[in-house]
Amino acid sequence: MNIYFFELKHLLKSLLVWTVTIAAVLLLLLKGFYPAMMESRPQMEALFANYPPDVLRAIGMDIDKIFSFDGFYVFTFTYVGLLAAIMAVSLSLQAFSREKRGKCTDFILTKPVRRNEVFIAKSLACLTVIAIFNIVYSVLVGVSVIAETASASLSEHLLLLLLAPFLTQLVFLSLGAAYAVWAKKVRSVSGTATALGFAALLLSGLVEVFAYDWLNYIAPLQYFNPAFILDSGGFEPKLVVTAALIFSAGLVSAYIRYCREDVAAV
C-alpha cells in the first residue's frame, strides 16, 4: 500500500493540471464556442462551405449535425478525447518509468516487495487518478446536457457517452505502460505522450477521410466514438473487442516484462 499511496501522491499534481485543462477546453467549447456558432449560423455555414468536405471530416466536423447540441458534443470529443488519451499515456509513463528515468530501479526492486506487487500498486494508482478525472468530467457533461435541454437520444445514451473517454483512457493507459516498461529509455514523458496522442488523432482523421473499415482497428480514438453511439445506441462490438485485446495485451506484456526484466547496472 505504501507504493500505491506514493504513486498516487505524485500523480495528483498531474490529475489537477489535466482536469483543469480538459474542463476548461470542454466548457470553452460547450459554453463559449457553441452558443456563438449558433448565433451566427448563416455566417458559419457560409464559412464551412469554403472548406473541402474531406478537411472538415478530418477534424471531426459533420456539417449536417454540427449545429445541434448532439453533433457539437461529438465534435468536442475529437479534442477532449485527444487530451484524455495524452493524459492517460502521461500518467502511465510517469508511474512505470519513474525509477528508470531516475536510474534507481535497483533500489525499489531490492526492497522486500515482489515485483508483481509493485506493478499492481502502480496500475491501481493510475486507475484511481483516471477514475477521479472521469467523475469530474461526467459531472460537467451531465450539467451541460441538462442546461442545454439536449435531445432524447443524447440523454438516453448519456451513460455510454460518459463511459467513452474512460474506456479510451484505459486503452492508452496500457499502451503507455507497455512503452514505459519495454523502452530502454524514456527521455520525455510529455513528449512521448503527446506524440502518441497526435499519432492516434492522425489515424482518426484518416478513418474519416478514407472511410476504410480496417483503419478503425488501428485508430484507438475511434473505438468508442460518440457518433456511433448516438446513431446505433451502443458501442461497435468489434471495436470493443479490439480495445479489450489491446488493453489486455499492453498490460500483460508490461507485467511480464516488469517482473522478469534484468535491472541495468548504473
C-alpha atoms as a PDB file:
ATOM      1  CA  MET A   1       0.000   0.000   0.000  1.00  0.00           C
ATOM      2  CA  ASN A   2       2.922   2.349   0.596  1.00  0.00           C
ATOM      3  CA  ILE A   3       3.850   2.192  -3.086  1.00  0.00           C
ATOM      4  CA  TYR A   4       0.230   2.833  -4.097  1.00  0.00           C
ATOM      5  CA  PHE A   5      -0.028   5.947  -1.938  1.00  0.00           C
ATOM      6  CA  PHE A   6       3.424   7.115  -3.050  1.00  0.00           C
ATOM      7  CA  GLU A   7       2.441   6.889  -6.718  1.00  0.00           C
ATOM      8  CA  LEU A   8      -0.976   8.398  -6.051  1.00  0.00           C
ATOM      9  CA  LYS A   9       0.599  11.355  -4.282  1.00  0.00           C
ATOM     10  CA  HIS A  10       2.980  12.014  -7.163  1.00  0.00           C
ATOM     11  CA  LEU A  11       0.207  11.702  -9.763  1.00  0.00           C
ATOM     12  CA  LEU A  12      -2.190  14.091  -8.034  1.00  0.00           C
ATOM     13  CA  LYS A  13      -0.447  17.152  -9.476  1.00  0.00           C
ATOM     14  CA  SER A  14      -0.903  15.763 -12.979  1.00  0.00           C
ATOM     15  CA  LEU A  15      -4.528  14.967 -12.143  1.00  0.00           C
ATOM     16  CA  LEU A  16      -5.161  18.568 -11.117  1.00  0.00           C
ATOM     17  CA  VAL A  17      -3.439  20.040 -14.169  1.00  0.00           C
ATOM     18  CA  TRP A  18      -5.147  17.737 -16.642  1.00  0.00           C
ATOM     19  CA  THR A  19      -8.572  18.048 -15.032  1.00  0.00           C
ATOM     20  CA  VAL A  20      -8.434  21.845 -15.086  1.00  0.00           C
ATOM     21  CA  THR A  21      -7.126  21.870 -18.671  1.00  0.00           C
ATOM     22  CA  ILE A  22      -9.678  19.448 -20.103  1.00  0.00           C
ATOM     23  CA  ALA A  23     -12.536  21.004 -18.127  1.00  0.00           C
ATOM     24  CA  ALA A  24     -11.557  24.435 -19.458  1.00  0.00           C
ATOM     25  CA  VAL A  25     -11.465  23.157 -23.052  1.00  0.00           C
ATOM     26  CA  LEU A  26     -14.815  21.393 -22.642  1.00  0.00           C
ATOM     27  CA  LEU A  27     -16.541  24.414 -21.095  1.00  0.00           C
ATOM     28  CA  LEU A  28     -14.974  26.776 -23.624  1.00  0.00           C
ATOM     29  CA  LEU A  29     -16.386  24.699 -26.463  1.00  0.00           C
ATOM     30  CA  LEU A  30     -19.818  23.966 -24.974  1.00  0.00           C
ATOM     31  CA  LYS A  31     -20.457  27.282 -23.222  1.00  0.00           C
ATOM     32  CA  GLY A  32     -18.446  29.614 -25.420  1.00  0.00           C
ATOM     33  CA  PHE A  33     -17.983  28.443 -28.980  1.00  0.00           C
ATOM     34  CA  TYR A  34     -21.286  26.564 -29.388  1.00  0.00           C
ATOM     35  CA  PRO A  35     -23.611  29.475 -28.426  1.00  0.00           C
ATOM     36  CA  ALA A  36     -21.554  31.877 -30.554  1.00  0.00           C
ATOM     37  CA  MET A  37     -21.694  29.493 -33.504  1.00  0.00           C
ATOM     38  CA  MET A  38     -25.462  29.097 -33.209  1.00  0.00           C
ATOM     39  CA  GLU A  39     -25.990  32.861 -33.076  1.00  0.00           C
ATOM     40  CA  SER A  40     -24.038  33.317 -36.296  1.00  0.00           C
ATOM     41  CA  ARG A  41     -25.166  30.112 -38.002  1.00  0.00           C
ATOM     42  CA  PRO A  42     -25.621  31.558 -41.547  1.00  0.00           C
ATOM     43  CA  GLN A  43     -22.128  33.039 -41.495  1.00  0.00           C
ATOM     44  CA  MET A  44     -20.641  29.820 -40.097  1.00  0.00           C
ATOM     45  CA  GLU A  45     -22.384  27.725 -42.758  1.00  0.00           C
ATOM     46  CA  ALA A  46     -21.005  30.014 -45.448  1.00  0.00           C
ATOM     47  CA  LEU A  47     -17.531  29.724 -43.919  1.00  0.00           C
ATOM     48  CA  PHE A  48     -17.678  25.926 -43.743  1.00  0.00           C
ATOM     49  CA  ALA A  49     -18.857  25.785 -47.359  1.00  0.00           C
ATOM     50  CA  ASN A  50     -15.449  27.124 -48.424  1.00  0.00           C
ATOM     51  CA  TYR A  51     -13.637  24.131 -46.944  1.00  0.00           C
ATOM     52  CA  PRO A  52     -13.288  20.754 -48.701  1.00  0.00           C
ATOM     53  CA  PRO A  53     -15.544  18.110 -47.098  1.00  0.00           C
ATOM     54  CA  ASP A  54     -12.547  15.836 -46.500  1.00  0.00           C
ATOM     55  CA  VAL A  55     -10.833  18.524 -44.432  1.00  0.00           C
ATOM     56  CA  LEU A  56     -13.923  19.038 -42.280  1.00  0.00           C
ATOM     57  CA  ARG A  57     -14.333  15.319 -41.719  1.00  0.00           C
ATOM     58  CA  ALA A  58     -10.639  15.013 -40.812  1.00  0.00           C
ATOM     59  CA  ILE A  59     -11.086  17.499 -37.961  1.00  0.00           C
ATOM     60  CA  GLY A  60     -14.210  15.712 -36.737  1.00  0.00           C
ATOM     61  CA  MET A  61     -16.765  18.187 -38.077  1.00  0.00           C
ATOM     62  CA  ASP A  62     -20.012  16.856 -39.571  1.00  0.00           C
ATOM     63  CA  ILE A  63     -21.725  19.848 -41.180  1.00  0.00           C
ATOM     64  CA  ASP A  64     -25.087  18.073 -41.236  1.00  0.00           C
ATOM     65  CA  LYS A  65     -25.040  17.660 -37.436  1.00  0.00           C
ATOM     66  CA  ILE A  66     -22.663  20.303 -36.061  1.00  0.00           C
ATOM     67  CA  PHE A  67     -25.480  22.803 -35.466  1.00  0.00           C
ATOM     68  CA  SER A  68     -27.226  20.535 -32.979  1.00  0.00           C
ATOM     69  CA  PHE A  69     -26.009  20.032 -29.434  1.00  0.00           C
ATOM     70  CA  ASP A  70     -25.622  16.296 -30.113  1.00  0.00           C
ATOM     71  CA  GLY A  71     -23.473  16.875 -33.164  1.00  0.00           C
ATOM     72  CA  PHE A  72     -21.420  19.543 -31.470  1.00  0.00           C
ATOM     73  CA  TYR A  73     -20.753  17.258 -28.491  1.00  0.00           C
ATOM     74  CA  VAL A  74     -19.450  14.616 -30.913  1.00  0.00           C
ATOM     75  CA  PHE A  75     -17.178  17.297 -32.367  1.00  0.00           C
ATOM     76  CA  THR A  76     -15.829  18.221 -28.915  1.00  0.00           C
ATOM     77  CA  PHE A  77     -14.941  14.596 -28.236  1.00  0.00           C
ATOM     78  CA  THR A  78     -12.377  14.726 -31.042  1.00  0.00           C
ATOM     79  CA  TYR A  79     -10.290  17.105 -28.950  1.00  0.00           C
ATOM     80  CA  VAL A  80     -11.364  16.224 -25.428  1.00  0.00           C
ATOM     81  CA  GLY A  81     -10.705  12.581 -26.288  1.00  0.00           C
ATOM     82  CA  LEU A  82      -7.265  13.527 -27.595  1.00  0.00           C
ATOM     83  CA  LEU A  83      -6.386  15.333 -24.366  1.00  0.00           C
ATOM     84  CA  ALA A  84      -7.768  12.470 -22.272  1.00  0.00           C
ATOM     85  CA  ALA A  85      -5.657   9.992 -24.248  1.00  0.00           C
ATOM     86  CA  ILE A  86      -2.495  12.062 -23.786  1.00  0.00           C
ATOM     87  CA  MET A  87      -3.306  12.311 -20.080  1.00  0.00           C
ATOM     88  CA  ALA A  88      -3.614   8.522 -19.746  1.00  0.00           C
ATOM     89  CA  VAL A  89      -0.314   7.885 -21.537  1.00  0.00           C
ATOM     90  CA  SER A  90       1.390  10.551 -19.440  1.00  0.00           C
ATOM     91  CA  LEU A  91       0.161   9.011 -16.176  1.00  0.00           C
ATOM     92  CA  SER A  92       1.322   5.519 -17.055  1.00  0.00           C
ATOM     93  CA  LEU A  93       4.675   6.782 -18.319  1.00  0.00           C
ATOM     94  CA  GLN A  94       5.217   8.713 -15.099  1.00  0.00           C
ATOM     95  CA  ALA A  95       4.346   5.745 -12.902  1.00  0.00           C
ATOM     96  CA  PHE A  96       6.121   2.965 -14.767  1.00  0.00           C
ATOM     97  CA  SER A  97       9.224   4.832 -15.889  1.00  0.00           C
ATOM     98  CA  ARG A  98       9.806   6.822 -12.689  1.00  0.00           C
ATOM     99  CA  GLU A  99      12.654   4.622 -11.428  1.00  0.00           C
ATOM    100  CA  LYS A 100      14.037   4.113 -14.927  1.00  0.00           C
ATOM    101  CA  ARG A 101      14.257   7.853 -15.528  1.00  0.00           C
ATOM    102  CA  GLY A 102      15.790   8.369 -12.092  1.00  0.00           C
ATOM    103  CA  LYS A 103      18.157   5.417 -12.573  1.00  0.00           C
ATOM    104  CA  CYS A 104      17.083   3.884  -9.291  1.00  0.00           C
ATOM    105  CA  THR A 105      15.217   0.782 -10.468  1.00  0.00           C
ATOM    106  CA  ASP A 106      17.532  -1.415  -8.458  1.00  0.00           C
ATOM    107  CA  PHE A 107      16.557   0.484  -5.303  1.00  0.00           C
ATOM    108  CA  ILE A 108      12.847  -0.298  -5.442  1.00  0.00           C
ATOM    109  CA  LEU A 109      13.261  -3.857  -6.708  1.00  0.00           C
ATOM    110  CA  THR A 110      15.631  -4.830  -3.894  1.00  0.00           C
ATOM    111  CA  LYS A 111      13.037  -3.942  -1.280  1.00  0.00           C
ATOM    112  CA  PRO A 112      11.075  -6.773   0.407  1.00  0.00           C
ATOM    113  CA  VAL A 113       8.209  -6.316  -2.044  1.00  0.00           C
ATOM    114  CA  ARG A 114       7.566  -8.567  -5.005  1.00  0.00           C
ATOM    115  CA  ARG A 115       7.766  -7.078  -8.458  1.00  0.00           C
ATOM    116  CA  ASN A 116       4.193  -8.032  -9.264  1.00  0.00           C
ATOM    117  CA  GLU A 117       3.033  -6.142  -6.167  1.00  0.00           C
ATOM    118  CA  VAL A 118       4.905  -3.048  -7.328  1.00  0.00           C
ATOM    119  CA  PHE A 119       3.329  -3.310 -10.777  1.00  0.00           C
ATOM    120  CA  ILE A 120      -0.176  -3.770  -9.362  1.00  0.00           C
ATOM    121  CA  ALA A 121       0.253  -0.821  -6.979  1.00  0.00           C
ATOM    122  CA  LYS A 122       1.363   1.451  -9.821  1.00  0.00           C
ATOM    123  CA  SER A 123      -1.524   0.273 -12.012  1.00  0.00           C
ATOM    124  CA  LEU A 124      -4.078   0.897  -9.274  1.00  0.00           C
ATOM    125  CA  ALA A 125      -2.706   4.388  -8.661  1.00  0.00           C
ATOM    126  CA  CYS A 126      -3.113   5.237 -12.363  1.00  0.00           C
ATOM    127  CA  LEU A 127      -6.626   3.777 -12.447  1.00  0.00           C
ATOM    128  CA  THR A 128      -7.589   5.762  -9.358  1.00  0.00           C
ATOM    129  CA  VAL A 129      -6.464   9.026 -10.939  1.00  0.00           C
ATOM    130  CA  ILE A 130      -8.318   8.250 -14.172  1.00  0.00           C
ATOM    131  CA  ALA A 131     -11.473   7.358 -12.220  1.00  0.00           C
ATOM    132  CA  ILE A 132     -11.364  10.662 -10.318  1.00  0.00           C
ATOM    133  CA  PHE A 133     -10.906  12.583 -13.549  1.00  0.00           C
ATOM    134  CA  ASN A 134     -13.853  10.852 -15.198  1.00  0.00           C
ATOM    135  CA  ILE A 135     -16.128  11.577 -12.251  1.00  0.00           C
ATOM    136  CA  VAL A 136     -15.389  15.295 -12.647  1.00  0.00           C
ATOM    137  CA  TYR A 137     -15.793  15.030 -16.429  1.00  0.00           C
ATOM    138  CA  SER A 138     -19.137  13.235 -16.062  1.00  0.00           C
ATOM    139  CA  VAL A 139     -20.477  15.919 -13.738  1.00  0.00           C
ATOM    140  CA  LEU A 140     -19.500  18.687 -16.169  1.00  0.00           C
ATOM    141  CA  VAL A 141     -21.049  16.942 -19.176  1.00  0.00           C
ATOM    142  CA  GLY A 142     -24.177  15.996 -17.227  1.00  0.00           C
ATOM    143  CA  VAL A 143     -24.739  19.601 -16.119  1.00  0.00           C
ATOM    144  CA  SER A 144     -24.151  20.833 -19.681  1.00  0.00           C
ATOM    145  CA  VAL A 145     -26.623  18.326 -21.128  1.00  0.00           C
ATOM    146  CA  ILE A 146     -29.296  19.365 -18.634  1.00  0.00           C
ATOM    147  CA  ALA A 147     -28.634  23.062 -19.218  1.00  0.00           C
ATOM    148  CA  GLU A 148     -28.862  22.705 -22.994  1.00  0.00           C
ATOM    149  CA  THR A 149     -32.000  20.529 -22.878  1.00  0.00           C
ATOM    150  CA  ALA A 150     -30.297  18.042 -25.176  1.00  0.00           C
ATOM    151  CA  SER A 151     -32.178  15.646 -27.405  1.00  0.00           C
ATOM    152  CA  ALA A 152     -33.763  12.469 -26.111  1.00  0.00           C
ATOM    153  CA  SER A 153     -31.119  10.424 -27.938  1.00  0.00           C
ATOM    154  CA  LEU A 154     -28.251  12.161 -26.153  1.00  0.00           C
ATOM    155  CA  SER A 155     -29.953  11.931 -22.768  1.00  0.00           C
ATOM    156  CA  GLU A 156     -30.854   8.278 -23.303  1.00  0.00           C
ATOM    157  CA  HIS A 157     -27.305   7.271 -24.202  1.00  0.00           C
ATOM    158  CA  LEU A 158     -25.581   9.647 -21.789  1.00  0.00           C
ATOM    159  CA  LEU A 159     -24.097   6.838 -19.685  1.00  0.00           C
ATOM    160  CA  LEU A 160     -22.394   5.278 -22.704  1.00  0.00           C
ATOM    161  CA  LEU A 161     -21.167   8.689 -23.832  1.00  0.00           C
ATOM    162  CA  LEU A 162     -19.643   9.272 -20.409  1.00  0.00           C
ATOM    163  CA  LEU A 163     -18.003   5.844 -20.460  1.00  0.00           C
ATOM    164  CA  ALA A 164     -16.355   6.573 -23.823  1.00  0.00           C
ATOM    165  CA  PRO A 165     -13.452   8.748 -22.537  1.00  0.00           C
ATOM    166  CA  PHE A 166     -12.872   6.411 -19.584  1.00  0.00           C
ATOM    167  CA  LEU A 167     -12.629   3.322 -21.795  1.00  0.00           C
ATOM    168  CA  THR A 168     -10.463   5.211 -24.273  1.00  0.00           C
ATOM    169  CA  GLN A 169      -8.119   6.171 -21.459  1.00  0.00           C
ATOM    170  CA  LEU A 170      -7.808   2.540 -20.384  1.00  0.00           C
ATOM    171  CA  VAL A 171      -6.534   1.625 -23.844  1.00  0.00           C
ATOM    172  CA  PHE A 172      -3.960   4.427 -23.834  1.00  0.00           C
ATOM    173  CA  LEU A 173      -3.001   3.651 -20.255  1.00  0.00           C
ATOM    174  CA  SER A 174      -1.986   0.140 -21.276  1.00  0.00           C
ATOM    175  CA  LEU A 175      -0.075   1.452 -24.300  1.00  0.00           C
ATOM    176  CA  GLY A 176       1.809   3.897 -22.106  1.00  0.00           C
ATOM    177  CA  ALA A 177       2.633   1.217 -19.547  1.00  0.00           C
ATOM    178  CA  ALA A 178       3.923  -1.126 -22.248  1.00  0.00           C
ATOM    179  CA  TYR A 179       6.089   1.596 -23.751  1.00  0.00           C
ATOM    180  CA  ALA A 180       7.463   2.643 -20.353  1.00  0.00           C
ATOM    181  CA  VAL A 181       8.442  -0.902 -19.444  1.00  0.00           C
ATOM    182  CA  TRP A 182       9.779  -2.074 -22.797  1.00  0.00           C
ATOM    183  CA  ALA A 183      11.658   1.083 -23.821  1.00  0.00           C
ATOM    184  CA  LYS A 184      15.287   1.259 -22.771  1.00  0.00           C
ATOM    185  CA  LYS A 185      14.967   4.964 -22.024  1.00  0.00           C
ATOM    186  CA  VAL A 186      12.048   7.343 -21.579  1.00  0.00           C
ATOM    187  CA  ARG A 187      13.595  10.733 -22.197  1.00  0.00           C
ATOM    188  CA  SER A 188      10.442  12.840 -22.091  1.00  0.00           C
ATOM    189  CA  VAL A 189       7.103  11.856 -20.571  1.00  0.00           C
ATOM    190  CA  SER A 190       5.196  14.786 -22.063  1.00  0.00           C
ATOM    191  CA  GLY A 191       6.874  14.471 -25.459  1.00  0.00           C
ATOM    192  CA  THR A 192       6.194  10.740 -25.769  1.00  0.00           C
ATOM    193  CA  ALA A 193       2.592  11.089 -24.573  1.00  0.00           C
ATOM    194  CA  THR A 194       1.894  13.959 -26.964  1.00  0.00           C
ATOM    195  CA  ALA A 195       3.441  12.113 -29.907  1.00  0.00           C
ATOM    196  CA  LEU A 196       1.351   9.017 -29.250  1.00  0.00           C
ATOM    197  CA  GLY A 197      -1.812  11.083 -28.816  1.00  0.00           C
ATOM    198  CA  PHE A 198      -1.378  13.009 -32.050  1.00  0.00           C
ATOM    199  CA  ALA A 199      -0.498   9.822 -33.922  1.00  0.00           C
ATOM    200  CA  ALA A 200      -3.858   8.447 -32.783  1.00  0.00           C
ATOM    201  CA  LEU A 201      -5.566  11.683 -33.879  1.00  0.00           C
ATOM    202  CA  LEU A 202      -3.947  11.394 -37.307  1.00  0.00           C
ATOM    203  CA  LEU A 203      -5.237   7.841 -37.649  1.00  0.00           C
ATOM    204  CA  SER A 204      -8.730   9.027 -36.699  1.00  0.00           C
ATOM    205  CA  GLY A 205      -8.522  11.692 -39.401  1.00  0.00           C
ATOM    206  CA  LEU A 206      -7.562   9.046 -41.950  1.00  0.00           C
ATOM    207  CA  VAL A 207     -10.576   6.979 -40.890  1.00  0.00           C
ATOM    208  CA  GLU A 208     -12.917   9.923 -41.525  1.00  0.00           C
ATOM    209  CA  VAL A 209     -11.330  10.828 -44.866  1.00  0.00           C
ATOM    210  CA  PHE A 210     -10.879   7.406 -46.459  1.00  0.00           C
ATOM    211  CA  ALA A 211     -13.675   5.513 -44.677  1.00  0.00           C
ATOM    212  CA  TYR A 212     -11.828   2.184 -44.794  1.00  0.00           C
ATOM    213  CA  ASP A 213     -13.254  -0.163 -42.166  1.00  0.00           C
ATOM    214  CA  TRP A 214      -9.882  -1.718 -41.366  1.00  0.00           C
ATOM    215  CA  LEU A 215      -8.495   1.670 -40.326  1.00  0.00           C
ATOM    216  CA  ASN A 216     -10.878   1.702 -37.360  1.00  0.00           C
ATOM    217  CA  TYR A 217      -8.981  -1.190 -35.794  1.00  0.00           C
ATOM    218  CA  ILE A 218      -5.707   0.761 -35.620  1.00  0.00           C
ATOM    219  CA  ALA A 219      -7.285   4.064 -34.534  1.00  0.00           C
ATOM    220  CA  PRO A 220      -7.825   3.898 -30.750  1.00  0.00           C
ATOM    221  CA  LEU A 221      -9.730   7.191 -30.636  1.00  0.00           C
ATOM    222  CA  GLN A 222     -12.393   5.574 -32.827  1.00  0.00           C
ATOM    223  CA  TYR A 223     -13.082   2.591 -30.592  1.00  0.00           C
ATOM    224  CA  PHE A 224     -15.743   4.395 -28.535  1.00  0.00           C
ATOM    225  CA  ASN A 225     -16.858   7.049 -30.999  1.00  0.00           C
ATOM    226  CA  PRO A 226     -19.821   9.099 -29.656  1.00  0.00           C
ATOM    227  CA  ALA A 227     -21.194   9.491 -33.201  1.00  0.00           C
ATOM    228  CA  PHE A 228     -21.617   5.726 -33.475  1.00  0.00           C
ATOM    229  CA  ILE A 229     -23.239   5.600 -30.023  1.00  0.00           C
ATOM    230  CA  LEU A 230     -25.833   8.224 -30.979  1.00  0.00           C
ATOM    231  CA  ASP A 231     -26.545   6.588 -34.340  1.00  0.00           C
ATOM    232  CA  SER A 232     -26.753   2.971 -33.190  1.00  0.00           C
ATOM    233  CA  GLY A 233     -27.444   3.205 -29.466  1.00  0.00           C
ATOM    234  CA  GLY A 234     -24.309   1.362 -28.365  1.00  0.00           C
ATOM    235  CA  PHE A 235     -20.658   0.607 -28.961  1.00  0.00           C
ATOM    236  CA  GLU A 236     -19.361  -1.183 -32.047  1.00  0.00           C
ATOM    237  CA  PRO A 237     -18.847  -4.779 -30.782  1.00  0.00           C
ATOM    238  CA  LYS A 238     -15.838  -5.489 -32.992  1.00  0.00           C
ATOM    239  CA  LEU A 239     -14.080  -2.340 -31.837  1.00  0.00           C
ATOM    240  CA  VAL A 240     -14.880  -3.081 -28.194  1.00  0.00           C
ATOM    241  CA  VAL A 241     -13.238  -6.486 -28.606  1.00  0.00           C
ATOM    242  CA  THR A 242     -10.253  -4.829 -30.302  1.00  0.00           C
ATOM    243  CA  ALA A 243      -9.943  -2.339 -27.444  1.00  0.00           C
ATOM    244  CA  ALA A 244     -10.143  -5.138 -24.866  1.00  0.00           C
ATOM    245  CA  LEU A 245      -7.442  -7.107 -26.677  1.00  0.00           C
ATOM    246  CA  ILE A 246      -5.111  -4.102 -26.891  1.00  0.00           C
ATOM    247  CA  PHE A 247      -5.708  -3.223 -23.243  1.00  0.00           C
ATOM    248  CA  SER A 248      -5.042  -6.790 -22.143  1.00  0.00           C
ATOM    249  CA  ALA A 249      -2.023  -7.241 -24.401  1.00  0.00           C
ATOM    250  CA  GLY A 250      -0.488  -3.956 -23.264  1.00  0.00           C
ATOM    251  CA  LEU A 251      -0.878  -4.636 -19.550  1.00  0.00           C
ATOM    252  CA  VAL A 252       0.052  -8.322 -19.725  1.00  0.00           C
ATOM    253  CA  SER A 253       3.171  -7.664 -21.788  1.00  0.00           C
ATOM    254  CA  ALA A 254       4.157  -4.814 -19.450  1.00  0.00           C
ATOM    255  CA  TYR A 255       3.514  -7.038 -16.416  1.00  0.00           C
ATOM    256  CA  ILE A 256       5.630  -9.905 -17.739  1.00  0.00           C
ATOM    257  CA  ARG A 257       8.445  -7.591 -18.776  1.00  0.00           C
ATOM    258  CA  TYR A 258       8.388  -5.705 -15.478  1.00  0.00           C
ATOM    259  CA  CYS A 259       8.531  -8.898 -13.432  1.00  0.00           C
ATOM    260  CA  ARG A 260      11.299 -10.532 -15.477  1.00  0.00           C
ATOM    261  CA  GLU A 261      13.425  -7.639 -16.733  1.00  0.00           C
ATOM    262  CA  ASP A 262      17.078  -7.581 -15.725  1.00  0.00           C
ATOM    263  CA  VAL A 263      17.979  -4.351 -13.990  1.00  0.00           C
ATOM    264  CA  ALA A 264      20.734  -2.454 -15.759  1.00  0.00           C
ATOM    265  CA  ALA A 265      23.776  -1.632 -13.642  1.00  0.00           C
ATOM    266  CA  VAL A 266      24.199   2.068 -13.007  1.00  0.00           C
END
